[in-house]
Structures are given as C-alpha cells and as structure tokens.
Amino acid sequence: MDARKRIEARGKHKQKRSKAEILITGGILAASSVMAISLFAYFRPFSSQDVAAFTKSLYSYASEQLDTVMALLSSRIHPEPEESLEEALAPEEESQETVPYMARSEELGDISDMTAEPVFPLQEDAIYSCMLDTPLGPLFYYNQGDLRWKEYLYGGSDRMAKYGCGPTCVAMIINSFTLNSVTPVEMADWSAQNGYYARHSGSYHGLIPGSLSSFGLQVDSVTDRTVEHASELLRTGHILVALMGKGSLTQNGHFIIIAQLAGDGNVYIADPANYENSTKVWDLQLLMDELKGAYDSGGPLWAVSFPSGTQETGGS
C-alpha cells in the first residue's frame, strides 16, 4: 500500500508541476509582450493609425499564443493513450499473397480436346498462378501460353506458345520439387544450351531425363505402361511425364504431366497447353493408348520421384 501511495503522490506532483510550467510559460509570454509594447512606444513616434494597426496585430498574436497554451494544457490533462510495450514490439503483420489451388471437377475429359496447340481463355493476355496436388506435394502450374512468355522465341526461332510444352513441363517440376526457382523461359534457354531444342519441332525427348536429373530428381523410364503399373507408381510417390503421340490428342507430339490418381481410378493431369484440361479427370487407359510410339531417351513415359534416401524439398 505504501508503494502505491508513493506512486499516486508522484503522479499528482507531476501533474501539478505540469500546470505550473504552463502558467510560467504564459507569464513569460505576457511579460515579453508588455516589454515589446513599451520599447516600441518609447523609441518610435506613432499616429493613431499606427496605434490601431499595432493593436490589431497584438490582438492576433495574443490570440494565437492563447490557443497554443490552451492546446498544451488540454493535452496534459487528457493525454492520448500510449502504445503498450507489447503493441510496440509486436511485428507488423505482412499480407502475403497465397497461390490458390486449382479448382478441379469430376468432369471426364474428352481426348479430342487435347492438343499441342495452346488453348487460351477468353482473355488471351492471362497470367496463370495456381497449384495442384500430386504425390510429391503441391505442383505449381505453368502454361506455355502465359502472357509473360508466350511470344518468347524458344531456341531463338519458335514461339513458346506453340513449341514450349517441354520446357514448361520441366519448369513446373523443377520449380515445385527442388530448391531451384525456374521459369519456362529459363528452362527453354537451358534446353537450347544443352542440345535439347529441336527446331520447328519443340524438344528432343532427352529433355525430360536430362533436365530433371540435372536438377537432382530421380527419373526412370517406364517400360511397363499398363494402367495397373502406372496407377501403382502414382500411389507410391511418383508423378509421370508422358509424351503423347500423333492421334486423337495431337498431331505433333505433346508433353504432359500425369499428376495424381482420382478417386474413381481416373487421373488428373497438368497440361501446359490447356488449363481447362488440367481441371478435369482423364481415363488413364486412354492416355496410355495415346502415348507416342517412340522409345528413345526412355520415352514415351517417365516416372519422376525424389532420390532414394531424400525427403521432399519443396519449391518456390
């Protein structure tokens, strides 16, 4: 109780002292004004007009000073609440933009809709930013027709929007499942520099194992291309990169990612040329039937996973 009384007494003393300071300040201002008037009257002869003008000026000055004193007094009597120590030390909340997950449907995709030509949304100048689930973790979706790089010339000659499915697929995987942050443009340049660019044809098949293994991922050729084996791979921590062949899907060859099993045994894909295709489910048998009949570089189907003994690293 004694300590509390001492604190209260100290607070009252401080408040009294604050009022005394204000009175002293007002007295000094008044004395200064009187002295200024006396000196002015003594050293300078003046007319009645001078007296009127000076009186008006003095009144204005005194009013300003009085307002200042009253404002100071009010602030001392009713101080604004001070920020607490906890509030002062609390870190400011940063608004972080989160990447949304792709809204998937249970609509079965029509294989005739899949094509190597990019299918743009109603607004062609689009930037794609979304995630989709895979057995390896979230996959950041890229589209080769994205405004940011659709006109970029792959290999210095071919538009990414038409020929960039290979670099776009590997950019999705590397950006999502390694510590490297890459874009389709960077992977297109990497492909050309390492001999995987095929003029007016897109990418050589070796781009898939060559790029993904260079960035630290495990890439294996899938020779057993049955639905049962592909489903088992998707269930056991793999995603599949598929080279679709000439047929109902494409006339030139087209890389896609088979990303995840759906509940009914169908699969979700990441189609770098068509966002809508990536929101639907697809018949896995139909995809296996439409694989390209090319067997170089381990194609047309590769299983991608984390190397043995490593854990998911995540990506940007």
C-alpha atoms as a PDB file:
ATOM      1  CA  MET A   1       0.000   0.000   0.000  1.00  0.00           C
ATOM      2  CA  ASP A   2       2.860   2.436   0.826  1.00  0.00           C
ATOM      3  CA  ALA A   3       4.379   1.864  -2.594  1.00  0.00           C
ATOM      4  CA  ARG A   4       1.049   2.510  -4.297  1.00  0.00           C
ATOM      5  CA  LYS A   5       0.560   5.781  -2.348  1.00  0.00           C
ATOM      6  CA  ARG A   6       4.050   6.903  -3.291  1.00  0.00           C
ATOM      7  CA  ILE A   7       3.293   6.247  -6.992  1.00  0.00           C
ATOM      8  CA  GLU A   8      -0.012   8.153  -6.794  1.00  0.00           C
ATOM      9  CA  ALA A   9       1.663  11.072  -4.971  1.00  0.00           C
ATOM     10  CA  ARG A  10       4.395  11.165  -7.593  1.00  0.00           C
ATOM     11  CA  GLY A  11       1.753  11.266 -10.346  1.00  0.00           C
ATOM     12  CA  LYS A  12      -0.119  14.164  -8.648  1.00  0.00           C
ATOM     13  CA  HIS A  13       3.123  16.051  -8.143  1.00  0.00           C
ATOM     14  CA  LYS A  14       3.957  15.583 -11.808  1.00  0.00           C
ATOM     15  CA  GLN A  15       0.506  16.867 -12.847  1.00  0.00           C
ATOM     16  CA  LYS A  16       0.850  19.951 -10.596  1.00  0.00           C
ATOM     17  CA  ARG A  17       4.284  20.613 -11.907  1.00  0.00           C
ATOM     18  CA  SER A  18       2.960  20.415 -15.464  1.00  0.00           C
ATOM     19  CA  LYS A  19       0.291  23.073 -14.719  1.00  0.00           C
ATOM     20  CA  ALA A  20       2.912  25.271 -13.065  1.00  0.00           C
ATOM     21  CA  GLU A  21       5.076  25.029 -16.144  1.00  0.00           C
ATOM     22  CA  ILE A  22       2.156  26.189 -18.281  1.00  0.00           C
ATOM     23  CA  LEU A  23       1.460  29.193 -16.027  1.00  0.00           C
ATOM     24  CA  ILE A  24       5.111  30.187 -16.012  1.00  0.00           C
ATOM     25  CA  THR A  25       5.211  29.928 -19.806  1.00  0.00           C
ATOM     26  CA  GLY A  26       2.114  32.132 -20.083  1.00  0.00           C
ATOM     27  CA  GLY A  27       3.652  34.687 -17.726  1.00  0.00           C
ATOM     28  CA  ILE A  28       6.827  34.854 -19.758  1.00  0.00           C
ATOM     29  CA  LEU A  29       4.817  35.415 -22.948  1.00  0.00           C
ATOM     30  CA  ALA A  30       2.798  38.200 -21.293  1.00  0.00           C
ATOM     31  CA  ALA A  31       5.914  39.911 -19.929  1.00  0.00           C
ATOM     32  CA  SER A  32       7.581  39.731 -23.311  1.00  0.00           C
ATOM     33  CA  SER A  33       4.542  41.312 -24.952  1.00  0.00           C
ATOM     34  CA  VAL A  34       4.476  44.197 -22.433  1.00  0.00           C
ATOM     35  CA  MET A  35       8.199  44.830 -22.870  1.00  0.00           C
ATOM     36  CA  ALA A  36       7.849  44.843 -26.656  1.00  0.00           C
ATOM     37  CA  ILE A  37       4.997  47.389 -26.444  1.00  0.00           C
ATOM     38  CA  SER A  38       6.974  49.637 -24.092  1.00  0.00           C
ATOM     39  CA  LEU A  39      10.076  49.665 -26.243  1.00  0.00           C
ATOM     40  CA  PHE A  40       8.033  50.316 -29.363  1.00  0.00           C
ATOM     41  CA  ALA A  41       6.198  53.219 -27.736  1.00  0.00           C
ATOM     42  CA  TYR A  42       9.405  54.753 -26.342  1.00  0.00           C
ATOM     43  CA  PHE A  43      11.613  54.672 -29.411  1.00  0.00           C
ATOM     44  CA  ARG A  44       9.115  55.224 -32.223  1.00  0.00           C
ATOM     45  CA  PRO A  45       6.651  58.133 -32.522  1.00  0.00           C
ATOM     46  CA  PHE A  46       3.387  56.919 -33.937  1.00  0.00           C
ATOM     47  CA  SER A  47      -0.001  58.181 -35.128  1.00  0.00           C
ATOM     48  CA  SER A  48      -3.499  56.978 -34.288  1.00  0.00           C
ATOM     49  CA  GLN A  49      -3.454  54.776 -37.393  1.00  0.00           C
ATOM     50  CA  ASP A  50      -0.256  53.141 -36.136  1.00  0.00           C
ATOM     51  CA  VAL A  51      -1.899  52.517 -32.776  1.00  0.00           C
ATOM     52  CA  ALA A  52      -4.908  50.825 -34.446  1.00  0.00           C
ATOM     53  CA  ALA A  53      -2.728  48.651 -36.686  1.00  0.00           C
ATOM     54  CA  PHE A  54      -0.423  47.688 -33.831  1.00  0.00           C
ATOM     55  CA  THR A  55      -3.363  46.902 -31.532  1.00  0.00           C
ATOM     56  CA  LYS A  56      -4.884  44.643 -34.184  1.00  0.00           C
ATOM     57  CA  SER A  57      -1.563  42.850 -34.726  1.00  0.00           C
ATOM     58  CA  LEU A  58      -1.045  42.469 -30.981  1.00  0.00           C
ATOM     59  CA  TYR A  59      -4.545  41.047 -30.549  1.00  0.00           C
ATOM     60  CA  SER A  60      -3.929  38.468 -33.293  1.00  0.00           C
ATOM     61  CA  TYR A  61      -0.588  37.474 -31.752  1.00  0.00           C
ATOM     62  CA  ALA A  62      -2.071  37.180 -28.259  1.00  0.00           C
ATOM     63  CA  SER A  63      -4.941  35.018 -29.593  1.00  0.00           C
ATOM     64  CA  GLU A  64      -2.503  32.625 -31.277  1.00  0.00           C
ATOM     65  CA  GLN A  65      -0.432  32.327 -28.126  1.00  0.00           C
ATOM     66  CA  LEU A  66      -3.517  31.735 -26.013  1.00  0.00           C
ATOM     67  CA  ASP A  67      -4.696  28.972 -28.349  1.00  0.00           C
ATOM     68  CA  THR A  68      -1.265  27.350 -28.087  1.00  0.00           C
ATOM     69  CA  VAL A  69      -1.320  27.468 -24.286  1.00  0.00           C
ATOM     70  CA  MET A  70      -4.869  26.040 -24.144  1.00  0.00           C
ATOM     71  CA  ALA A  71      -3.966  23.218 -26.532  1.00  0.00           C
ATOM     72  CA  LEU A  72      -0.908  22.371 -24.433  1.00  0.00           C
ATOM     73  CA  LEU A  73      -2.973  22.400 -21.265  1.00  0.00           C
ATOM     74  CA  SER A  74      -5.621  20.147 -22.847  1.00  0.00           C
ATOM     75  CA  SER A  75      -3.015  17.646 -23.997  1.00  0.00           C
ATOM     76  CA  ARG A  76      -1.555  17.466 -20.469  1.00  0.00           C
ATOM     77  CA  ILE A  77      -4.945  16.961 -18.825  1.00  0.00           C
ATOM     78  CA  HIS A  78      -6.277  14.493 -21.422  1.00  0.00           C
ATOM     79  CA  PRO A  79      -3.225  12.713 -22.853  1.00  0.00           C
ATOM     80  CA  GLU A  80      -3.656  10.323 -25.789  1.00  0.00           C
ATOM     81  CA  PRO A  81      -3.337   6.654 -24.816  1.00  0.00           C
ATOM     82  CA  GLU A  82       0.198   5.452 -25.244  1.00  0.00           C
ATOM     83  CA  GLU A  83       1.032   2.326 -27.210  1.00  0.00           C
ATOM     84  CA  SER A  84       1.677  -0.597 -24.913  1.00  0.00           C
ATOM     85  CA  LEU A  85       5.047  -2.294 -24.851  1.00  0.00           C
ATOM     86  CA  GLU A  86       3.534  -5.421 -26.339  1.00  0.00           C
ATOM     87  CA  GLU A  87       1.996  -3.462 -29.218  1.00  0.00           C
ATOM     88  CA  ALA A  88       5.246  -1.622 -29.870  1.00  0.00           C
ATOM     89  CA  LEU A  89       7.280  -4.801 -30.003  1.00  0.00           C
ATOM     90  CA  ALA A  90       4.725  -6.855 -31.938  1.00  0.00           C
ATOM     91  CA  PRO A  91       5.866  -7.457 -35.535  1.00  0.00           C
ATOM     92  CA  GLU A  92       3.733  -5.914 -38.226  1.00  0.00           C
ATOM     93  CA  GLU A  93       1.529  -8.399 -39.985  1.00  0.00           C
ATOM     94  CA  GLU A  94       2.587  -8.795 -43.584  1.00  0.00           C
ATOM     95  CA  SER A  95      -0.089  -9.572 -46.111  1.00  0.00           C
ATOM     96  CA  GLN A  96       1.263 -12.489 -48.075  1.00  0.00           C
ATOM     97  CA  GLU A  97      -0.376 -13.356 -51.325  1.00  0.00           C
ATOM     98  CA  THR A  98      -1.188 -17.054 -51.342  1.00  0.00           C
ATOM     99  CA  VAL A  99      -1.296 -19.082 -54.522  1.00  0.00           C
ATOM    100  CA  PRO A 100      -4.723 -20.722 -54.874  1.00  0.00           C
ATOM    101  CA  TYR A 101      -5.199 -24.386 -55.638  1.00  0.00           C
ATOM    102  CA  MET A 102      -6.648 -25.277 -58.993  1.00  0.00           C
ATOM    103  CA  ALA A 103     -10.406 -25.859 -58.842  1.00  0.00           C
ATOM    104  CA  ARG A 104     -10.800 -29.403 -60.147  1.00  0.00           C
ATOM    105  CA  SER A 105     -14.002 -31.023 -61.293  1.00  0.00           C
ATOM    106  CA  GLU A 106     -15.113 -34.617 -61.797  1.00  0.00           C
ATOM    107  CA  GLU A 107     -15.904 -33.955 -65.445  1.00  0.00           C
ATOM    108  CA  LEU A 108     -14.333 -36.575 -67.706  1.00  0.00           C
ATOM    109  CA  GLY A 109     -12.083 -35.020 -70.299  1.00  0.00           C
ATOM    110  CA  ASP A 110     -12.680 -35.637 -73.995  1.00  0.00           C
ATOM    111  CA  ILE A 111      -9.478 -36.784 -75.601  1.00  0.00           C
ATOM    112  CA  SER A 112     -10.272 -34.845 -78.749  1.00  0.00           C
ATOM    113  CA  ASP A 113      -9.896 -31.628 -76.754  1.00  0.00           C
ATOM    114  CA  MET A 114      -6.230 -32.260 -76.043  1.00  0.00           C
ATOM    115  CA  THR A 115      -3.854 -30.668 -78.483  1.00  0.00           C
ATOM    116  CA  ALA A 116      -0.297 -29.402 -78.656  1.00  0.00           C
ATOM    117  CA  GLU A 117      -1.683 -26.005 -79.674  1.00  0.00           C
ATOM    118  CA  PRO A 118      -2.300 -23.806 -76.631  1.00  0.00           C
ATOM    119  CA  VAL A 119      -5.947 -23.130 -75.852  1.00  0.00           C
ATOM    120  CA  PHE A 120      -6.269 -19.636 -74.444  1.00  0.00           C
ATOM    121  CA  PRO A 121      -9.022 -18.452 -72.099  1.00  0.00           C
ATOM    122  CA  LEU A 122     -11.456 -15.748 -73.206  1.00  0.00           C
ATOM    123  CA  GLN A 123      -8.882 -13.176 -72.191  1.00  0.00           C
ATOM    124  CA  GLU A 124      -5.742 -14.231 -74.009  1.00  0.00           C
ATOM    125  CA  ASP A 125      -3.473 -11.911 -72.031  1.00  0.00           C
ATOM    126  CA  ALA A 126      -3.609 -14.190 -68.991  1.00  0.00           C
ATOM    127  CA  ILE A 127      -1.126 -14.924 -66.226  1.00  0.00           C
ATOM    128  CA  TYR A 128      -1.569 -18.340 -64.638  1.00  0.00           C
ATOM    129  CA  SER A 129      -0.896 -18.757 -60.921  1.00  0.00           C
ATOM    130  CA  CYS A 130      -2.244 -21.850 -59.176  1.00  0.00           C
ATOM    131  CA  MET A 131      -1.237 -25.100 -57.510  1.00  0.00           C
ATOM    132  CA  LEU A 132      -2.432 -28.677 -57.855  1.00  0.00           C
ATOM    133  CA  ASP A 133      -1.908 -31.721 -55.671  1.00  0.00           C
ATOM    134  CA  THR A 134       0.484 -34.538 -56.579  1.00  0.00           C
ATOM    135  CA  PRO A 135       2.024 -37.457 -54.662  1.00  0.00           C
ATOM    136  CA  LEU A 136       5.236 -35.396 -54.374  1.00  0.00           C
ATOM    137  CA  GLY A 137       3.480 -32.346 -52.951  1.00  0.00           C
ATOM    138  CA  PRO A 138       1.973 -29.171 -54.449  1.00  0.00           C
ATOM    139  CA  LEU A 139       2.812 -28.619 -58.118  1.00  0.00           C
ATOM    140  CA  PHE A 140       2.983 -25.010 -59.318  1.00  0.00           C
ATOM    141  CA  TYR A 141       1.176 -24.870 -62.669  1.00  0.00           C
ATOM    142  CA  TYR A 142       2.709 -23.125 -65.659  1.00  0.00           C
ATOM    143  CA  ASN A 143       1.098 -22.578 -69.051  1.00  0.00           C
ATOM    144  CA  GLN A 144       3.114 -22.108 -72.214  1.00  0.00           C
ATOM    145  CA  GLY A 145       0.583 -19.530 -73.409  1.00  0.00           C
ATOM    146  CA  ASP A 146       1.109 -17.312 -70.366  1.00  0.00           C
ATOM    147  CA  LEU A 147       1.332 -13.615 -71.193  1.00  0.00           C
ATOM    148  CA  ARG A 148       4.792 -13.459 -69.631  1.00  0.00           C
ATOM    149  CA  TRP A 149       6.447 -15.754 -72.186  1.00  0.00           C
ATOM    150  CA  LYS A 150       4.042 -16.877 -74.905  1.00  0.00           C
ATOM    151  CA  GLU A 151       5.886 -14.790 -77.530  1.00  0.00           C
ATOM    152  CA  TYR A 152       9.356 -15.736 -76.303  1.00  0.00           C
ATOM    153  CA  LEU A 153      11.335 -17.462 -79.033  1.00  0.00           C
ATOM    154  CA  TYR A 154      12.454 -20.919 -77.948  1.00  0.00           C
ATOM    155  CA  GLY A 155      15.882 -21.507 -79.451  1.00  0.00           C
ATOM    156  CA  GLY A 156      15.662 -18.039 -80.970  1.00  0.00           C
ATOM    157  CA  SER A 157      13.133 -19.208 -83.566  1.00  0.00           C
ATOM    158  CA  ASP A 158       9.972 -20.860 -82.206  1.00  0.00           C
ATOM    159  CA  ARG A 159       7.250 -19.257 -80.077  1.00  0.00           C
ATOM    160  CA  MET A 160       6.853 -20.747 -76.611  1.00  0.00           C
ATOM    161  CA  ALA A 161       3.066 -20.728 -77.046  1.00  0.00           C
ATOM    162  CA  LYS A 162       3.347 -23.335 -79.802  1.00  0.00           C
ATOM    163  CA  TYR A 163       6.571 -25.236 -79.150  1.00  0.00           C
ATOM    164  CA  GLY A 164       7.281 -24.776 -75.455  1.00  0.00           C
ATOM    165  CA  CYS A 165       5.448 -27.732 -73.842  1.00  0.00           C
ATOM    166  CA  GLY A 166       8.714 -29.498 -72.941  1.00  0.00           C
ATOM    167  CA  PRO A 167      10.413 -26.587 -71.124  1.00  0.00           C
ATOM    168  CA  THR A 168       7.109 -25.681 -69.471  1.00  0.00           C
ATOM    169  CA  CYS A 169       6.607 -29.193 -68.069  1.00  0.00           C
ATOM    170  CA  VAL A 170      10.107 -29.482 -66.648  1.00  0.00           C
ATOM    171  CA  ALA A 171       9.882 -25.939 -65.236  1.00  0.00           C
ATOM    172  CA  MET A 172       6.745 -26.961 -63.299  1.00  0.00           C
ATOM    173  CA  ILE A 173       8.503 -29.962 -61.796  1.00  0.00           C
ATOM    174  CA  ILE A 174      11.868 -28.336 -61.036  1.00  0.00           C
ATOM    175  CA  ASN A 175      10.272 -25.215 -59.580  1.00  0.00           C
ATOM    176  CA  SER A 176       7.956 -27.279 -57.364  1.00  0.00           C
ATOM    177  CA  PHE A 177      10.147 -30.135 -56.122  1.00  0.00           C
ATOM    178  CA  THR A 178      13.684 -28.766 -55.929  1.00  0.00           C
ATOM    179  CA  LEU A 179      15.267 -25.735 -54.306  1.00  0.00           C
ATOM    180  CA  ASN A 180      15.649 -24.101 -57.724  1.00  0.00           C
ATOM    181  CA  SER A 181      13.270 -21.370 -58.811  1.00  0.00           C
ATOM    182  CA  VAL A 182      12.978 -21.544 -62.604  1.00  0.00           C
ATOM    183  CA  THR A 183      10.542 -20.334 -65.233  1.00  0.00           C
ATOM    184  CA  PRO A 184       9.629 -21.846 -68.618  1.00  0.00           C
ATOM    185  CA  VAL A 185      11.814 -19.209 -70.278  1.00  0.00           C
ATOM    186  CA  GLU A 186      14.835 -20.205 -68.205  1.00  0.00           C
ATOM    187  CA  MET A 187      14.268 -23.880 -68.977  1.00  0.00           C
ATOM    188  CA  ALA A 188      13.835 -23.097 -72.678  1.00  0.00           C
ATOM    189  CA  ASP A 189      17.235 -21.409 -72.630  1.00  0.00           C
ATOM    190  CA  TRP A 190      18.690 -24.327 -70.648  1.00  0.00           C
ATOM    191  CA  SER A 191      17.255 -26.774 -73.196  1.00  0.00           C
ATOM    192  CA  ALA A 192      18.735 -24.898 -76.149  1.00  0.00           C
ATOM    193  CA  GLN A 193      22.126 -24.556 -74.472  1.00  0.00           C
ATOM    194  CA  ASN A 194      22.260 -28.277 -73.710  1.00  0.00           C
ATOM    195  CA  GLY A 195      21.208 -29.528 -77.134  1.00  0.00           C
ATOM    196  CA  TYR A 196      17.579 -30.493 -76.442  1.00  0.00           C
ATOM    197  CA  TYR A 197      15.904 -27.882 -78.650  1.00  0.00           C
ATOM    198  CA  ALA A 198      14.518 -29.257 -81.936  1.00  0.00           C
ATOM    199  CA  ARG A 199      13.927 -26.504 -84.486  1.00  0.00           C
ATOM    200  CA  HIS A 200      10.246 -26.266 -85.512  1.00  0.00           C
ATOM    201  CA  SER A 201       9.539 -29.471 -83.585  1.00  0.00           C
ATOM    202  CA  GLY A 202       9.762 -28.469 -79.937  1.00  0.00           C
ATOM    203  CA  SER A 203      12.135 -30.502 -77.788  1.00  0.00           C
ATOM    204  CA  TYR A 204      14.068 -33.725 -78.149  1.00  0.00           C
ATOM    205  CA  HIS A 205      12.791 -36.429 -75.827  1.00  0.00           C
ATOM    206  CA  GLY A 206      16.035 -36.418 -73.880  1.00  0.00           C
ATOM    207  CA  LEU A 207      14.996 -33.094 -72.328  1.00  0.00           C
ATOM    208  CA  ILE A 208      12.906 -34.911 -69.713  1.00  0.00           C
ATOM    209  CA  PRO A 209      15.549 -37.196 -68.146  1.00  0.00           C
ATOM    210  CA  GLY A 210      18.387 -34.777 -68.938  1.00  0.00           C
ATOM    211  CA  SER A 211      16.920 -31.725 -67.243  1.00  0.00           C
ATOM    212  CA  LEU A 212      15.204 -33.350 -64.273  1.00  0.00           C
ATOM    213  CA  SER A 213      18.212 -35.473 -63.307  1.00  0.00           C
ATOM    214  CA  SER A 214      20.494 -32.446 -63.690  1.00  0.00           C
ATOM    215  CA  PHE A 215      18.398 -30.655 -61.082  1.00  0.00           C
ATOM    216  CA  GLY A 216      18.586 -33.532 -58.611  1.00  0.00           C
ATOM    217  CA  LEU A 217      15.413 -35.549 -59.234  1.00  0.00           C
ATOM    218  CA  GLN A 218      15.110 -39.269 -59.862  1.00  0.00           C
ATOM    219  CA  VAL A 219      13.876 -40.031 -63.393  1.00  0.00           C
ATOM    220  CA  ASP A 220      13.159 -43.577 -64.558  1.00  0.00           C
ATOM    221  CA  SER A 221      11.896 -44.900 -67.855  1.00  0.00           C
ATOM    222  CA  VAL A 222       8.554 -46.697 -67.522  1.00  0.00           C
ATOM    223  CA  THR A 223       8.573 -49.710 -69.813  1.00  0.00           C
ATOM    224  CA  ASP A 224       5.531 -51.352 -68.257  1.00  0.00           C
ATOM    225  CA  ARG A 225       2.910 -48.938 -69.498  1.00  0.00           C
ATOM    226  CA  THR A 226      -0.140 -50.757 -68.216  1.00  0.00           C
ATOM    227  CA  VAL A 227      -2.833 -48.946 -66.279  1.00  0.00           C
ATOM    228  CA  GLU A 228      -2.113 -51.093 -63.230  1.00  0.00           C
ATOM    229  CA  HIS A 229       1.590 -50.225 -63.155  1.00  0.00           C
ATOM    230  CA  ALA A 230       1.037 -46.529 -63.855  1.00  0.00           C
ATOM    231  CA  SER A 231      -1.545 -46.385 -61.055  1.00  0.00           C
ATOM    232  CA  GLU A 232       0.855 -48.093 -58.671  1.00  0.00           C
ATOM    233  CA  LEU A 233       3.558 -45.536 -59.459  1.00  0.00           C
ATOM    234  CA  LEU A 234       1.143 -42.680 -58.732  1.00  0.00           C
ATOM    235  CA  ARG A 235       0.212 -44.328 -55.439  1.00  0.00           C
ATOM    236  CA  THR A 236       3.816 -44.729 -54.340  1.00  0.00           C
ATOM    237  CA  GLY A 237       5.266 -41.224 -54.553  1.00  0.00           C
ATOM    238  CA  HIS A 238       5.763 -40.642 -58.280  1.00  0.00           C
ATOM    239  CA  ILE A 239       4.424 -38.359 -60.935  1.00  0.00           C
ATOM    240  CA  LEU A 240       4.565 -39.292 -64.622  1.00  0.00           C
ATOM    241  CA  VAL A 241       5.725 -37.273 -67.603  1.00  0.00           C
ATOM    242  CA  ALA A 242       4.012 -38.537 -70.736  1.00  0.00           C
ATOM    243  CA  LEU A 243       4.821 -37.836 -74.368  1.00  0.00           C
ATOM    244  CA  MET A 244       1.515 -38.024 -76.178  1.00  0.00           C
ATOM    245  CA  GLY A 245       1.718 -39.189 -79.755  1.00  0.00           C
ATOM    246  CA  LYS A 246       0.056 -38.405 -83.035  1.00  0.00           C
ATOM    247  CA  GLY A 247      -3.574 -39.418 -82.855  1.00  0.00           C
ATOM    248  CA  SER A 248      -6.656 -38.030 -81.240  1.00  0.00           C
ATOM    249  CA  LEU A 249      -4.581 -35.952 -78.786  1.00  0.00           C
ATOM    250  CA  THR A 250      -2.081 -34.203 -81.001  1.00  0.00           C
ATOM    251  CA  GLN A 251      -0.620 -34.269 -84.454  1.00  0.00           C
ATOM    252  CA  ASN A 252       2.935 -33.413 -83.469  1.00  0.00           C
ATOM    253  CA  GLY A 253       3.672 -34.857 -80.040  1.00  0.00           C
ATOM    254  CA  HIS A 254       2.933 -33.164 -76.739  1.00  0.00           C
ATOM    255  CA  PHE A 255       4.413 -33.405 -73.228  1.00  0.00           C
ATOM    256  CA  ILE A 256       2.012 -33.502 -70.276  1.00  0.00           C
ATOM    257  CA  ILE A 257       2.322 -34.416 -66.598  1.00  0.00           C
ATOM    258  CA  ILE A 258       0.111 -37.164 -65.172  1.00  0.00           C
ATOM    259  CA  ALA A 259      -0.156 -35.655 -61.732  1.00  0.00           C
ATOM    260  CA  GLN A 260      -2.459 -37.664 -59.469  1.00  0.00           C
ATOM    261  CA  LEU A 261      -4.947 -40.500 -59.216  1.00  0.00           C
ATOM    262  CA  ALA A 262      -8.571 -39.509 -58.805  1.00  0.00           C
ATOM    263  CA  GLY A 263     -10.893 -41.431 -56.524  1.00  0.00           C
ATOM    264  CA  ASP A 264     -12.508 -43.344 -59.380  1.00  0.00           C
ATOM    265  CA  GLY A 265      -9.277 -44.625 -60.896  1.00  0.00           C
ATOM    266  CA  ASN A 266      -9.038 -41.849 -63.455  1.00  0.00           C
ATOM    267  CA  VAL A 267      -6.219 -39.323 -63.287  1.00  0.00           C
ATOM    268  CA  TYR A 268      -5.622 -35.599 -63.132  1.00  0.00           C
ATOM    269  CA  ILE A 269      -3.049 -34.101 -65.468  1.00  0.00           C
ATOM    270  CA  ALA A 270      -1.126 -30.856 -65.831  1.00  0.00           C
ATOM    271  CA  ASP A 271      -1.425 -29.882 -69.495  1.00  0.00           C
ATOM    272  CA  PRO A 272       0.942 -26.988 -70.244  1.00  0.00           C
ATOM    273  CA  ALA A 273      -1.107 -26.022 -73.316  1.00  0.00           C
ATOM    274  CA  ASN A 274      -4.579 -26.120 -71.790  1.00  0.00           C
ATOM    275  CA  TYR A 275      -5.616 -25.009 -68.328  1.00  0.00           C
ATOM    276  CA  GLU A 276      -9.129 -26.480 -68.648  1.00  0.00           C
ATOM    277  CA  ASN A 277      -7.693 -29.934 -69.371  1.00  0.00           C
ATOM    278  CA  SER A 278      -5.880 -29.692 -66.050  1.00  0.00           C
ATOM    279  CA  THR A 279      -9.160 -29.294 -64.142  1.00  0.00           C
ATOM    280  CA  LYS A 280     -10.793 -32.484 -65.472  1.00  0.00           C
ATOM    281  CA  VAL A 281     -10.295 -36.194 -64.848  1.00  0.00           C
ATOM    282  CA  TRP A 282      -8.944 -38.397 -67.617  1.00  0.00           C
ATOM    283  CA  ASP A 283      -9.216 -42.074 -68.458  1.00  0.00           C
ATOM    284  CA  LEU A 284      -5.756 -43.455 -67.700  1.00  0.00           C
ATOM    285  CA  GLN A 285      -6.154 -46.291 -70.198  1.00  0.00           C
ATOM    286  CA  LEU A 286      -6.943 -43.794 -72.922  1.00  0.00           C
ATOM    287  CA  LEU A 287      -3.795 -41.824 -72.098  1.00  0.00           C
ATOM    288  CA  MET A 288      -1.671 -44.978 -72.159  1.00  0.00           C
ATOM    289  CA  ASP A 289      -3.142 -45.901 -75.549  1.00  0.00           C
ATOM    290  CA  GLU A 290      -2.264 -42.491 -76.972  1.00  0.00           C
ATOM    291  CA  LEU A 291       1.396 -42.430 -75.899  1.00  0.00           C
ATOM    292  CA  LYS A 292       3.811 -41.690 -78.703  1.00  0.00           C
ATOM    293  CA  GLY A 293       5.421 -44.747 -80.242  1.00  0.00           C
ATOM    294  CA  ALA A 294       8.964 -43.515 -79.614  1.00  0.00           C
ATOM    295  CA  TYR A 295      11.352 -45.279 -77.297  1.00  0.00           C
ATOM    296  CA  ASP A 296      14.439 -43.097 -77.320  1.00  0.00           C
ATOM    297  CA  SER A 297      15.720 -41.445 -74.136  1.00  0.00           C
ATOM    298  CA  GLY A 298      13.474 -43.710 -72.065  1.00  0.00           C
ATOM    299  CA  GLY A 299      10.250 -42.307 -73.547  1.00  0.00           C
ATOM    300  CA  PRO A 300       7.416 -42.020 -74.046  1.00  0.00           C
ATOM    301  CA  LEU A 301       6.739 -42.337 -70.287  1.00  0.00           C
ATOM    302  CA  TRP A 302       8.935 -41.374 -67.346  1.00  0.00           C
ATOM    303  CA  ALA A 303       8.400 -41.715 -63.592  1.00  0.00           C
ATOM    304  CA  VAL A 304       9.722 -38.805 -61.513  1.00  0.00           C
ATOM    305  CA  SER A 305      10.388 -39.019 -57.778  1.00  0.00           C
ATOM    306  CA  PHE A 306      12.736 -37.809 -55.090  1.00  0.00           C
ATOM    307  CA  PRO A 307      16.079 -39.632 -54.984  1.00  0.00           C
ATOM    308  CA  SER A 308      16.294 -42.569 -52.598  1.00  0.00           C
ATOM    309  CA  GLY A 309      17.094 -41.523 -49.038  1.00  0.00           C
ATOM    310  CA  THR A 310      15.919 -37.919 -49.523  1.00  0.00           C
ATOM    311  CA  GLN A 311      12.804 -36.170 -48.367  1.00  0.00           C
ATOM    312  CA  GLU A 312      10.599 -33.712 -50.124  1.00  0.00           C
ATOM    313  CA  THR A 313      12.425 -30.420 -50.502  1.00  0.00           C
ATOM    314  CA  GLY A 314       9.617 -28.316 -51.826  1.00  0.00           C
ATOM    315  CA  GLY A 315       9.958 -25.486 -54.277  1.00  0.00           C
ATOM    316  CA  SER A 316       9.129 -21.851 -54.757  1.00  0.00           C
END
